[in-house]
C-alpha atoms as a PDB file:
ATOM      1  CA  MET A   1      78.528  41.348  75.980  1.00  0.00           C
ATOM      2  CA  ILE A   2      78.392  42.707  72.649  1.00  0.00           C
ATOM      3  CA  THR A   3      80.219  39.403  69.928  1.00  0.00           C
ATOM      4  CA  VAL A   4      80.572  40.368  66.406  1.00  0.00           C
ATOM      5  CA  ALA A   5      82.872  38.689  63.802  1.00  0.00           C
ATOM      6  CA  ASN A   6      85.773  41.553  62.395  1.00  0.00           C
ATOM      7  CA  ALA A   7      83.605  41.951  59.326  1.00  0.00           C
ATOM      8  CA  ALA A   8      81.706  44.820  57.820  1.00  0.00           C
ATOM      9  CA  ILE A   9      78.136  45.411  59.737  1.00  0.00           C
ATOM     10  CA  THR A  10      74.933  44.825  57.501  1.00  0.00           C
ATOM     11  CA  ASP A  11      72.809  44.262  60.446  1.00  0.00           C
ATOM     12  CA  LEU A  12      73.013  47.578  63.188  1.00  0.00           C
ATOM     13  CA  HIS A  13      70.944  45.068  65.832  1.00  0.00           C
ATOM     14  CA  SER A  14      73.689  43.632  66.039  1.00  0.00           C
ATOM     15  CA  LEU A  15      75.415  46.170  67.836  1.00  0.00           C
ATOM     16  CA  SER A  16      72.821  47.570  70.255  1.00  0.00           C
ATOM     17  CA  GLY A  17      73.721  49.369  72.921  1.00  0.00           C
ATOM     18  CA  VAL A  18      75.623  52.683  73.875  1.00  0.00           C
ATOM     19  CA  TRP A  19      78.959  53.541  72.029  1.00  0.00           C
ATOM     20  CA  ARG A  20      81.538  55.929  73.308  1.00  0.00           C
ATOM     21  CA  LEU A  21      84.220  58.015  70.540  1.00  0.00           C
ATOM     22  CA  ASP A  22      87.640  57.488  71.056  1.00  0.00           C
ATOM     23  CA  PRO A  23      89.101  60.960  70.381  1.00  0.00           C
ATOM     24  CA  HIS A  24      92.885  60.139  69.968  1.00  0.00           C
ATOM     25  CA  ALA A  25      92.606  57.487  67.791  1.00  0.00           C
ATOM     26  CA  THR A  26      90.095  59.036  65.932  1.00  0.00           C
ATOM     27  CA  THR A  27      90.889  60.781  62.492  1.00  0.00           C
ATOM     28  CA  LEU A  28      89.097  63.392  60.319  1.00  0.00           C
ATOM     29  CA  ARG A  29      90.489  64.225  57.468  1.00  0.00           C
ATOM     30  CA  TRP A  30      89.841  66.753  54.690  1.00  0.00           C
ATOM     31  CA  ARG A  31      90.833  68.037  51.195  1.00  0.00           C
ATOM     32  CA  THR A  32      89.330  71.226  49.952  1.00  0.00           C
ATOM     33  CA  ARG A  33      88.823  71.739  45.771  1.00  0.00           C
ATOM     34  CA  LEU A  34      88.338  75.078  44.184  1.00  0.00           C
ATOM     35  CA  LEU A  35      85.753  73.439  41.192  1.00  0.00           C
ATOM     36  CA  SER A  36      87.944  70.440  40.339  1.00  0.00           C
ATOM     37  CA  VAL A  37      91.663  71.813  41.149  1.00  0.00           C
ATOM     38  CA  PRO A  38      92.971  70.798  44.639  1.00  0.00           C
ATOM     39  CA  VAL A  39      94.049  73.434  47.001  1.00  0.00           C
ATOM     40  CA  ALA A  40      94.596  72.485  50.551  1.00  0.00           C
ATOM     41  CA  LYS A  41      94.079  69.518  52.701  1.00  0.00           C
ATOM     42  CA  GLY A  42      94.964  68.566  56.366  1.00  0.00           C
ATOM     43  CA  VAL A  43      93.334  66.595  59.589  1.00  0.00           C
ATOM     44  CA  MET A  44      91.391  67.948  62.568  1.00  0.00           C
ATOM     45  CA  ARG A  45      91.094  66.199  65.986  1.00  0.00           C
ATOM     46  CA  ALA A  46      87.444  64.711  67.250  1.00  0.00           C
ATOM     47  CA  LYS A  47      86.803  66.423  70.705  1.00  0.00           C
ATOM     48  CA  GLY A  48      84.518  63.311  71.652  1.00  0.00           C
ATOM     49  CA  GLY A  49      81.223  61.634  71.033  1.00  0.00           C
ATOM     50  CA  ARG A  50      78.808  58.669  71.363  1.00  0.00           C
ATOM     51  CA  ALA A  51      76.509  56.578  69.484  1.00  0.00           C
ATOM     52  CA  GLU A  52      73.567  54.593  70.574  1.00  0.00           C
ATOM     53  CA  VAL A  53      72.002  51.723  68.843  1.00  0.00           C
ATOM     54  CA  SER A  54      68.502  50.544  70.049  1.00  0.00           C
ATOM     55  CA  SER A  55      67.521  46.631  69.942  1.00  0.00           C
ATOM     56  CA  ALA A  56      65.821  47.332  66.673  1.00  0.00           C
ATOM     57  CA  GLY A  57      68.735  48.614  65.085  1.00  0.00           C
ATOM     58  CA  ARG A  58      68.249  52.127  65.107  1.00  0.00           C
ATOM     59  CA  ALA A  59      71.271  54.293  65.710  1.00  0.00           C
ATOM     60  CA  SER A  60      72.001  58.044  66.108  1.00  0.00           C
ATOM     61  CA  GLY A  61      74.726  59.692  68.044  1.00  0.00           C
ATOM     62  CA  THR A  62      77.229  63.035  68.098  1.00  0.00           C
ATOM     63  CA  PHE A  63      80.422  63.452  66.920  1.00  0.00           C
ATOM     64  CA  VAL A  64      82.593  67.201  68.297  1.00  0.00           C
ATOM     65  CA  VAL A  65      85.269  68.498  66.310  1.00  0.00           C
ATOM     66  CA  ASP A  66      87.796  70.843  67.692  1.00  0.00           C
ATOM     67  CA  PRO A  67      88.398  73.592  65.141  1.00  0.00           C
ATOM     68  CA  GLU A  68      91.519  74.320  66.690  1.00  0.00           C
ATOM     69  CA  SER A  69      93.450  71.398  66.163  1.00  0.00           C
ATOM     70  CA  ILE A  70      93.132  72.017  62.120  1.00  0.00           C
ATOM     71  CA  THR A  71      96.400  71.277  60.076  1.00  0.00           C
ATOM     72  CA  SER A  72      97.235  71.327  57.156  1.00  0.00           C
ATOM     73  CA  ARG A  73     101.270  71.339  57.620  1.00  0.00           C
ATOM     74  CA  ILE A  74     101.611  74.923  56.937  1.00  0.00           C
ATOM     75  CA  ALA A  75     101.423  77.151  60.006  1.00  0.00           C
ATOM     76  CA  LYS A  76     100.624  80.392  58.351  1.00  0.00           C
ATOM     77  CA  ARG A  77      97.369  78.497  56.615  1.00  0.00           C
ATOM     78  CA  ASP A  78      96.760  76.713  59.952  1.00  0.00           C
ATOM     79  CA  ALA A  79      96.591  79.990  61.886  1.00  0.00           C
ATOM     80  CA  HIS A  80      94.226  81.884  59.289  1.00  0.00           C
ATOM     81  CA  LEU A  81      92.055  79.251  59.367  1.00  0.00           C
ATOM     82  CA  ARG A  82      91.630  78.951  62.940  1.00  0.00           C
ATOM     83  CA  SER A  83      90.859  83.074  62.833  1.00  0.00           C
ATOM     84  CA  SER A  84      87.593  84.719  62.038  1.00  0.00           C
ATOM     85  CA  ASP A  85      87.792  84.716  58.630  1.00  0.00           C
ATOM     86  CA  TYR A  86      87.456  80.937  58.578  1.00  0.00           C
ATOM     87  CA  PHE A  87      86.600  79.001  61.312  1.00  0.00           C
ATOM     88  CA  ASP A  88      86.822  81.059  64.250  1.00  0.00           C
ATOM     89  CA  ALA A  89      88.022  78.725  66.756  1.00  0.00           C
ATOM     90  CA  GLU A  90      87.913  81.092  69.768  1.00  0.00           C
ATOM     91  CA  LYS A  91      84.279  81.990  68.988  1.00  0.00           C
ATOM     92  CA  TYR A  92      83.184  78.784  67.676  1.00  0.00           C
ATOM     93  CA  PRO A  93      85.407  76.113  69.705  1.00  0.00           C
ATOM     94  CA  ALA A  94      83.602  72.792  68.702  1.00  0.00           C
ATOM     95  CA  ILE A  95      81.649  71.838  64.984  1.00  0.00           C
ATOM     96  CA  THR A  96      78.754  68.938  66.235  1.00  0.00           C
ATOM     97  CA  PHE A  97      77.129  66.589  63.781  1.00  0.00           C
ATOM     98  CA  THR A  98      74.386  64.965  65.161  1.00  0.00           C
ATOM     99  CA  SER A  99      73.092  62.017  63.928  1.00  0.00           C
ATOM    100  CA  SER A 100      69.605  61.065  63.323  1.00  0.00           C
ATOM    101  CA  GLU A 101      69.306  58.249  61.627  1.00  0.00           C
ATOM    102  CA  VAL A 102      71.867  55.601  60.238  1.00  0.00           C
ATOM    103  CA  ARG A 103      70.201  53.315  57.344  1.00  0.00           C
ATOM    104  CA  SER A 104      71.510  50.438  55.988  1.00  0.00           C
ATOM    105  CA  VAL A 105      72.290  50.530  52.124  1.00  0.00           C
ATOM    106  CA  GLY A 106      73.919  47.829  51.131  1.00  0.00           C
ATOM    107  CA  PRO A 107      76.415  45.358  52.356  1.00  0.00           C
ATOM    108  CA  GLY A 108      78.495  46.731  54.519  1.00  0.00           C
ATOM    109  CA  GLU A 109      77.432  50.491  53.531  1.00  0.00           C
ATOM    110  CA  VAL A 110      75.639  52.753  55.887  1.00  0.00           C
ATOM    111  CA  GLN A 111      73.918  56.358  55.161  1.00  0.00           C
ATOM    112  CA  ILE A 112      74.436  58.647  58.217  1.00  0.00           C
ATOM    113  CA  ILE A 113      71.532  61.543  58.314  1.00  0.00           C
ATOM    114  CA  GLY A 114      71.983  64.470  60.453  1.00  0.00           C
ATOM    115  CA  ASP A 115      72.677  68.186  61.287  1.00  0.00           C
ATOM    116  CA  ILE A 116      76.260  69.687  61.189  1.00  0.00           C
ATOM    117  CA  GLU A 117      76.645  73.138  63.594  1.00  0.00           C
ATOM    118  CA  VAL A 118      79.379  75.199  62.192  1.00  0.00           C
ATOM    119  CA  HIS A 119      79.568  79.032  63.236  1.00  0.00           C
ATOM    120  CA  GLY A 120      76.192  78.892  65.168  1.00  0.00           C
ATOM    121  CA  HIS A 121      74.320  77.513  62.122  1.00  0.00           C
ATOM    122  CA  THR A 122      72.784  74.177  61.538  1.00  0.00           C
ATOM    123  CA  SER A 123      72.801  72.457  58.339  1.00  0.00           C
ATOM    124  CA  ALA A 124      71.314  68.790  57.285  1.00  0.00           C
ATOM    125  CA  LEU A 125      74.302  66.823  56.064  1.00  0.00           C
ATOM    126  CA  THR A 126      74.361  62.974  54.838  1.00  0.00           C
ATOM    127  CA  ALA A 127      77.395  61.136  54.630  1.00  0.00           C
ATOM    128  CA  THR A 128      77.999  57.369  53.628  1.00  0.00           C
ATOM    129  CA  GLY A 129      80.484  54.556  54.787  1.00  0.00           C
ATOM    130  CA  HIS A 130      80.831  51.103  56.520  1.00  0.00           C
ATOM    131  CA  ILE A 131      80.905  49.671  59.756  1.00  0.00           C
ATOM    132  CA  VAL A 132      83.471  47.327  60.785  1.00  0.00           C
ATOM    133  CA  ALA A 133      82.804  45.712  64.433  1.00  0.00           C
ATOM    134  CA  ARG A 134      85.026  42.864  66.416  1.00  0.00           C
ATOM    135  CA  ASP A 135      84.568  42.202  70.150  1.00  0.00           C
ATOM    136  CA  ARG A 136      83.680  45.250  71.920  1.00  0.00           C
ATOM    137  CA  ARG A 137      85.137  47.875  69.214  1.00  0.00           C
ATOM    138  CA  ALA A 138      83.826  49.487  66.068  1.00  0.00           C
ATOM    139  CA  THR A 139      85.055  51.236  63.825  1.00  0.00           C
ATOM    140  CA  LEU A 140      83.194  53.844  61.150  1.00  0.00           C
ATOM    141  CA  THR A 141      84.687  55.142  58.216  1.00  0.00           C
ATOM    142  CA  ALA A 142      82.290  57.444  56.648  1.00  0.00           C
ATOM    143  CA  THR A 143      82.510  60.710  53.995  1.00  0.00           C
ATOM    144  CA  ALA A 144      80.734  63.467  52.868  1.00  0.00           C
ATOM    145  CA  ARG A 145      81.488  66.324  50.236  1.00  0.00           C
ATOM    146  CA  ILE A 146      80.485  69.421  52.594  1.00  0.00           C
ATOM    147  CA  GLY A 147      79.994  72.958  50.789  1.00  0.00           C
ATOM    148  CA  ASN A 148      80.049  76.705  51.906  1.00  0.00           C
ATOM    149  CA  ASP A 149      76.428  76.644  52.596  1.00  0.00           C
ATOM    150  CA  VAL A 150      77.216  74.388  55.528  1.00  0.00           C
ATOM    151  CA  LEU A 151      80.393  75.229  56.407  1.00  0.00           C
ATOM    152  CA  HIS A 152      79.333  79.623  56.040  1.00  0.00           C
ATOM    153  CA  MET A 153      82.610  80.652  55.640  1.00  0.00           C
ATOM    154  CA  LYS A 154      84.155  83.864  54.115  1.00  0.00           C
ATOM    155  CA  ASP A 155      84.730  84.123  50.131  1.00  0.00           C
ATOM    156  CA  MET A 156      84.498  79.956  49.900  1.00  0.00           C
ATOM    157  CA  ASP A 157      81.348  80.011  47.585  1.00  0.00           C
ATOM    158  CA  ARG A 158      82.854  78.098  44.896  1.00  0.00           C
ATOM    159  CA  PHE A 159      84.555  75.722  46.923  1.00  0.00           C
ATOM    160  CA  THR A 160      83.837  71.874  48.117  1.00  0.00           C
ATOM    161  CA  THR A 161      85.422  70.211  51.079  1.00  0.00           C
ATOM    162  CA  GLU A 162      85.648  66.115  51.180  1.00  0.00           C
ATOM    163  CA  VAL A 163      85.667  65.042  54.969  1.00  0.00           C
ATOM    164  CA  THR A 164      86.437  61.813  55.735  1.00  0.00           C
ATOM    165  CA  VAL A 165      86.341  60.491  59.305  1.00  0.00           C
ATOM    166  CA  GLU A 166      87.790  57.238  60.647  1.00  0.00           C
ATOM    167  CA  ALA A 167      85.869  56.803  64.167  1.00  0.00           C
ATOM    168  CA  HIS A 168      86.602  54.638  66.573  1.00  0.00           C
ATOM    169  CA  TYR A 169      84.499  53.762  69.281  1.00  0.00           C
ATOM    170  CA  THR A 170      84.247  51.002  72.671  1.00  0.00           C
ATOM    171  CA  PHE A 171      81.033  49.671  73.879  1.00  0.00           C
ATOM    172  CA  SER A 172      79.870  51.340  77.340  1.00  0.00           C
ATOM    173  CA  ASP A 173      78.835  49.381  79.546  1.00  0.00           C
ATOM    174  CA  SER A 174      77.272  52.717  81.150  1.00  0.00           C
ATOM    175  CA  PRO A 175      74.260  54.128  79.325  1.00  0.00           C
ATOM    176  CA  SER A 176      74.943  57.634  80.473  1.00  0.00           C
END
């Protein structure tokens, strides 16, 4: 049984095992800027995911986002973002981040290294964040800045999107 104090994790081996994402408790917030001017912000929902931490403290996992769930609280914009002009949610029903490595980079801080697949294109992506755990639950809060070189959207070359994920995981007793 996992018993970790309610504190930021500095040593990943204390979390060894398989962790399942709780998509209903997880949020992905985004904010897009043109140069330094805010243009839009909103939320997307997770579809699923999992993380696995070895007894040596090596971590990897997947995080899947539903592009159909995008909301900026402006219905017309949301429909346009779901369309083939942007996310093309009908053709590409998932955005998937696969982490290959999680490094401890300071007290309570981690660097998450992996690949993100958007629009059928896979690009390298690194996020920074922290993990807080207690008993059989863990929360990873991570942030990444994503440019159009990763998103592959029409007419978005000068835009940057900051994405912050608050992912909630539960320890799984079964490895599959």
